[in-house]
Amino acid sequence: MITMYGIKNCDTIKKARNWLDNERVAYNFHDYKVAGVDKTKLEEWVMEHGWETILNRSGTTFKALDAGDKAHIDADKAILLMITNPSMIKRPILDTGRGETIVGFKATTYENALQGVKA
């Protein structure tokens, strides 16, 4: 089963969900603000994509951190920051159900990755 991870009110999440709905792709939605985030899942994503891709450093939550929290980030520190502040996780993260995840949203990337899974 396909699962989208993110935050419900995020504009990019809304675009990605609209795309999936319009293409009639069945999926579950996991909202970090409601259900939290699993450390094991974060570790898997960081191993697959690198912490630099998964940690959203351009958002207001990251920018509001003090200098000490922003300094000397490695994979372990990034994971702890994201567990504490799920808003710092790049979104959406789409688990295709095929052993891969897609970070962010581009319609062409979704189209290529999800061929053959439309309802």
Protein backbone atom coordinates (compact mmCIF):
# COMPACT_ATOMS: atom_id res chain seq x y z
CA MET A 1 0.00 0.00 0.00
CA ILE A 2 1.16 3.52 -0.78
CA THR A 3 1.57 5.86 2.18
CA MET A 4 2.12 9.59 2.08
CA TYR A 5 3.84 11.15 5.09
CA GLY A 6 3.50 14.83 5.85
CA ILE A 7 1.46 17.56 7.46
CA LYS A 8 -2.14 18.05 6.35
CA ASN A 9 -2.09 21.83 5.90
CA CYS A 10 1.17 21.95 3.88
CA ASP A 11 0.66 23.39 0.37
CA THR A 12 2.95 20.83 -1.24
CA ILE A 13 1.07 18.02 0.52
CA LYS A 14 -2.19 19.43 -0.83
CA LYS A 15 -0.79 19.43 -4.38
CA ALA A 16 0.54 15.89 -4.04
CA ARG A 17 -2.72 14.59 -2.55
CA ASN A 18 -4.74 16.29 -5.30
CA TRP A 19 -2.52 14.64 -7.90
CA LEU A 20 -2.96 11.19 -6.32
CA ASP A 21 -6.73 11.72 -6.02
CA ASN A 22 -7.05 12.94 -9.64
CA GLU A 23 -5.04 9.96 -10.87
CA ARG A 24 -7.16 7.62 -8.73
CA VAL A 25 -4.18 6.26 -6.82
CA ALA A 26 -5.19 4.70 -3.48
CA TYR A 27 -3.00 5.73 -0.54
CA ASN A 28 -2.94 6.18 3.21
CA PHE A 29 -2.01 9.54 4.71
CA HIS A 30 0.18 9.73 7.83
CA ASP A 31 0.03 13.18 9.44
CA TYR A 32 3.08 13.89 11.62
CA LYS A 33 1.15 16.46 13.64
CA VAL A 34 -1.51 13.88 14.57
CA ALA A 35 0.35 10.55 14.64
CA GLY A 36 3.94 11.63 15.29
CA VAL A 37 6.93 10.19 13.48
CA ASP A 38 8.63 6.85 13.93
CA LYS A 39 12.40 6.93 14.57
CA THR A 40 12.93 3.71 12.59
CA LYS A 41 11.14 5.22 9.58
CA LEU A 42 13.30 8.36 9.80
CA GLU A 43 16.44 6.23 9.99
CA GLU A 44 15.35 4.31 6.86
CA TRP A 45 14.70 7.53 4.95
CA VAL A 46 18.01 9.01 6.03
CA MET A 47 19.81 5.84 4.91
CA GLU A 48 18.00 5.90 1.54
CA HIS A 49 18.25 9.62 0.76
CA GLY A 50 20.73 11.16 3.22
CA TRP A 51 19.86 13.43 6.14
CA GLU A 52 20.55 16.49 4.01
CA THR A 53 17.55 15.60 1.81
CA ILE A 54 15.18 14.60 4.61
CA LEU A 55 15.84 17.53 6.96
CA ASN A 56 13.99 20.63 5.77
CA ARG A 57 16.42 23.43 6.54
CA SER A 58 14.52 26.05 4.56
CA GLY A 59 11.40 26.06 6.76
CA THR A 60 10.58 28.45 9.57
CA THR A 61 10.90 25.75 12.25
CA PHE A 62 14.54 25.07 11.39
CA LYS A 63 15.34 28.76 10.97
CA ALA A 64 13.94 29.44 14.46
CA LEU A 65 16.41 27.04 16.11
CA ASP A 66 19.25 28.51 18.09
CA ALA A 67 22.73 28.42 16.57
CA GLY A 68 23.81 25.49 18.74
CA ASP A 69 21.03 23.26 17.42
CA LYS A 70 21.88 24.21 13.83
CA ALA A 71 25.61 23.55 14.28
CA HIS A 72 27.45 20.30 13.58
CA ILE A 73 24.47 18.38 12.23
CA ASP A 74 25.02 14.76 11.31
CA ALA A 75 22.53 11.96 10.65
CA ASP A 76 21.90 11.21 14.34
CA LYS A 77 21.39 14.86 15.26
CA ALA A 78 19.13 15.41 12.23
CA ILE A 79 16.96 12.46 13.25
CA LEU A 80 16.64 13.79 16.81
CA LEU A 81 15.71 17.25 15.50
CA MET A 82 13.03 15.76 13.22
CA ILE A 83 11.57 13.57 15.98
CA THR A 84 11.31 16.62 18.23
CA ASN A 85 10.05 18.88 15.43
CA PRO A 86 8.24 16.89 12.70
CA SER A 87 7.76 20.15 10.75
CA MET A 88 11.46 19.86 9.89
CA ILE A 89 10.87 16.74 7.80
CA LYS A 90 10.85 17.42 4.08
CA ARG A 91 7.43 16.76 2.66
CA PRO A 92 5.83 14.88 1.30
CA ILE A 93 7.57 11.58 1.64
CA LEU A 94 5.76 8.98 -0.42
CA ASP A 95 6.31 5.31 0.31
CA THR A 96 5.44 3.66 -2.99
CA GLY A 97 4.92 0.25 -1.41
CA ARG A 98 7.59 -1.04 -3.77
CA GLY A 99 10.61 -0.64 -1.50
CA GLU A 100 11.34 2.98 -2.38
CA THR A 101 10.35 6.42 -1.19
CA ILE A 102 10.02 9.70 -3.04
CA VAL A 103 10.92 12.93 -1.26
CA GLY A 104 9.07 16.06 -2.36
CA PHE A 105 6.48 16.31 -5.10
CA LYS A 106 6.87 16.49 -8.86
CA ALA A 107 4.02 15.16 -10.97
CA THR A 108 6.38 13.53 -13.49
CA THR A 109 8.26 11.71 -10.73
CA TYR A 110 5.01 10.41 -9.25
CA GLU A 111 3.76 9.39 -12.70
CA ASN A 112 6.92 7.40 -13.44
CA ALA A 113 7.10 5.76 -10.01
CA LEU A 114 3.41 4.85 -9.79
CA GLN A 115 2.77 3.41 -13.24
CA GLY A 116 0.36 0.55 -13.02
CA VAL A 117 -1.02 1.28 -9.55
CA LYS A 118 -4.03 3.40 -10.43
CA ALA A 119 -7.40 2.17 -9.18
